[in-house]
N, C-alpha and C. Protein backbone atom coordinates (compact mmCIF):
# COMPACT_ATOMS: atom_id res chain seq x y z
N MET A 1 101.54 25.92 36.88
CA MET A 1 102.08 26.32 38.17
C MET A 1 102.78 25.13 38.82
N THR A 2 103.88 25.43 39.40
CA THR A 2 104.60 24.36 40.10
C THR A 2 104.14 24.32 41.55
N MET A 3 104.55 23.27 42.21
CA MET A 3 104.16 23.09 43.60
C MET A 3 104.74 24.19 44.49
N SER A 4 105.95 24.64 44.21
CA SER A 4 106.56 25.67 45.04
C SER A 4 105.83 27.01 44.87
N GLU A 5 105.33 27.32 43.67
CA GLU A 5 104.57 28.54 43.46
C GLU A 5 103.27 28.51 44.25
N ILE A 6 102.62 27.37 44.27
CA ILE A 6 101.37 27.23 45.02
C ILE A 6 101.63 27.40 46.52
N LEU A 7 102.72 26.82 46.99
CA LEU A 7 103.05 26.96 48.40
C LEU A 7 103.37 28.41 48.76
N TYR A 8 104.06 29.13 47.87
CA TYR A 8 104.34 30.54 48.12
C TYR A 8 103.06 31.37 48.14
N MET A 9 102.13 31.04 47.28
CA MET A 9 100.85 31.76 47.27
C MET A 9 100.06 31.49 48.55
N ILE A 10 100.07 30.26 49.01
CA ILE A 10 99.39 29.92 50.26
C ILE A 10 100.06 30.63 51.43
N LEU A 11 101.38 30.65 51.45
CA LEU A 11 102.11 31.33 52.51
C LEU A 11 101.82 32.83 52.51
N ALA A 12 101.77 33.45 51.33
CA ALA A 12 101.46 34.87 51.23
C ALA A 12 100.05 35.16 51.72
N PHE A 13 99.12 34.29 51.40
CA PHE A 13 97.74 34.46 51.86
C PHE A 13 97.65 34.36 53.37
N VAL A 14 98.29 33.37 53.94
CA VAL A 14 98.25 33.17 55.40
C VAL A 14 98.91 34.34 56.11
N MET A 15 100.05 34.81 55.61
CA MET A 15 100.72 35.95 56.24
C MET A 15 99.89 37.22 56.11
N GLY A 16 99.20 37.40 55.02
CA GLY A 16 98.30 38.55 54.87
C GLY A 16 97.17 38.50 55.87
N MET A 17 96.63 37.31 56.10
CA MET A 17 95.57 37.16 57.09
C MET A 17 96.08 37.46 58.49
N VAL A 18 97.28 37.00 58.80
CA VAL A 18 97.87 37.25 60.13
C VAL A 18 98.11 38.74 60.33
N LEU A 19 98.67 39.40 59.33
CA LEU A 19 98.92 40.84 59.45
C LEU A 19 97.62 41.63 59.55
N GLY A 20 96.61 41.23 58.80
CA GLY A 20 95.30 41.88 58.90
C GLY A 20 94.68 41.69 60.27
N LEU A 21 94.79 40.49 60.79
CA LEU A 21 94.26 40.21 62.14
C LEU A 21 95.00 41.03 63.18
N PHE A 22 96.31 41.15 63.03
CA PHE A 22 97.12 41.96 63.95
C PHE A 22 96.68 43.42 63.91
N PHE A 23 96.55 43.98 62.72
CA PHE A 23 96.20 45.39 62.59
C PHE A 23 94.78 45.67 63.05
N PHE A 24 93.80 44.95 62.50
CA PHE A 24 92.41 45.24 62.82
C PHE A 24 92.04 44.79 64.23
N GLY A 25 92.69 43.75 64.74
CA GLY A 25 92.48 43.36 66.14
C GLY A 25 93.00 44.42 67.09
N GLY A 26 94.16 44.97 66.78
CA GLY A 26 94.70 46.05 67.60
C GLY A 26 93.84 47.29 67.54
N LEU A 27 93.31 47.59 66.37
CA LEU A 27 92.43 48.75 66.22
C LEU A 27 91.14 48.56 67.00
N TRP A 28 90.60 47.35 66.98
CA TRP A 28 89.38 47.05 67.72
C TRP A 28 89.61 47.20 69.22
N ILE A 29 90.72 46.67 69.72
CA ILE A 29 91.03 46.80 71.14
C ILE A 29 91.25 48.26 71.52
N THR A 30 91.93 49.01 70.65
CA THR A 30 92.18 50.42 70.92
C THR A 30 90.89 51.21 71.04
N ILE A 31 89.99 51.02 70.12
CA ILE A 31 88.72 51.75 70.17
C ILE A 31 87.90 51.33 71.36
N LYS A 32 87.90 50.06 71.68
CA LYS A 32 87.16 49.55 72.84
C LYS A 32 87.68 50.18 74.13
N LYS A 33 89.01 50.26 74.27
CA LYS A 33 89.61 50.86 75.48
C LYS A 33 89.46 52.38 75.49
N ALA A 34 89.59 53.02 74.31
CA ALA A 34 89.56 54.48 74.24
C ALA A 34 88.18 55.03 74.60
N ILE A 35 87.14 54.29 74.29
CA ILE A 35 85.79 54.75 74.62
C ILE A 35 85.60 54.81 76.14
N ALA A 36 86.25 53.92 76.87
CA ALA A 36 86.04 53.82 78.31
C ALA A 36 86.96 54.72 79.13
N THR A 37 87.91 55.42 78.51
CA THR A 37 88.85 56.23 79.28
C THR A 37 88.55 57.71 79.14
N LYS A 38 89.15 58.50 80.04
CA LYS A 38 88.97 59.95 79.99
C LYS A 38 89.88 60.59 78.95
N ILE A 39 91.03 59.98 78.69
CA ILE A 39 91.99 60.52 77.73
C ILE A 39 92.23 59.47 76.64
N PRO A 40 91.38 59.45 75.62
CA PRO A 40 91.53 58.42 74.58
C PRO A 40 92.74 58.65 73.67
N ALA A 41 93.28 59.87 73.66
CA ALA A 41 94.42 60.15 72.77
C ALA A 41 95.62 59.28 73.10
N ILE A 42 95.78 58.91 74.35
CA ILE A 42 96.90 58.05 74.74
C ILE A 42 96.79 56.69 74.07
N TRP A 43 95.59 56.12 74.06
CA TRP A 43 95.38 54.82 73.42
C TRP A 43 95.65 54.89 71.92
N PHE A 44 95.15 55.96 71.28
CA PHE A 44 95.35 56.09 69.84
C PHE A 44 96.82 56.32 69.50
N PHE A 45 97.52 57.10 70.32
CA PHE A 45 98.93 57.34 70.07
C PHE A 45 99.74 56.06 70.24
N CYS A 46 99.47 55.31 71.28
CA CYS A 46 100.20 54.05 71.50
C CYS A 46 99.91 53.04 70.40
N GLN A 47 98.66 52.97 69.96
CA GLN A 47 98.32 52.04 68.88
C GLN A 47 99.01 52.47 67.59
N PHE A 48 99.08 53.77 67.34
CA PHE A 48 99.76 54.27 66.14
C PHE A 48 101.24 53.90 66.17
N CYS A 49 101.89 54.13 67.30
CA CYS A 49 103.32 53.82 67.41
C CYS A 49 103.56 52.32 67.27
N PHE A 50 102.72 51.52 67.91
CA PHE A 50 102.89 50.07 67.87
C PHE A 50 102.66 49.53 66.46
N THR A 51 101.63 50.04 65.78
CA THR A 51 101.31 49.57 64.44
C THR A 51 102.38 50.01 63.43
N CYS A 52 102.80 51.25 63.50
CA CYS A 52 103.80 51.75 62.55
C CYS A 52 105.16 51.09 62.76
N ASN A 53 105.43 50.67 63.97
CA ASN A 53 106.70 50.04 64.28
C ASN A 53 106.65 48.53 64.07
N GLY A 54 105.54 48.00 63.70
CA GLY A 54 105.41 46.57 63.44
C GLY A 54 105.42 45.72 64.69
N GLY A 55 105.09 46.28 65.83
CA GLY A 55 105.06 45.51 67.06
C GLY A 55 106.37 45.49 67.80
N ASN A 56 107.40 46.12 67.24
CA ASN A 56 108.68 46.16 67.92
C ASN A 56 108.64 47.29 68.96
N VAL A 57 108.58 46.95 70.23
CA VAL A 57 108.40 47.95 71.28
C VAL A 57 109.72 48.34 71.94
N TRP A 58 110.84 48.00 71.34
CA TRP A 58 112.13 48.34 71.95
C TRP A 58 112.37 49.83 71.98
N PHE A 59 111.77 50.58 71.05
CA PHE A 59 112.02 52.01 71.02
C PHE A 59 111.26 52.74 72.11
N LEU A 60 110.23 52.13 72.67
CA LEU A 60 109.45 52.78 73.74
C LEU A 60 110.20 52.60 75.00
């Protein structure tokens, strides 16, 4: 393995961790907020739109 391959593997690992943290952190916040509200469907719908859109909120 060359040095550039190792760096690409490290970069892929770090980006996977960041994306996982983004997704599961958002899911955790959504469930935490949805339990406390009267209409939890709004939280789940917004989290779905935000997650599927990759965080780009320009369409909202």
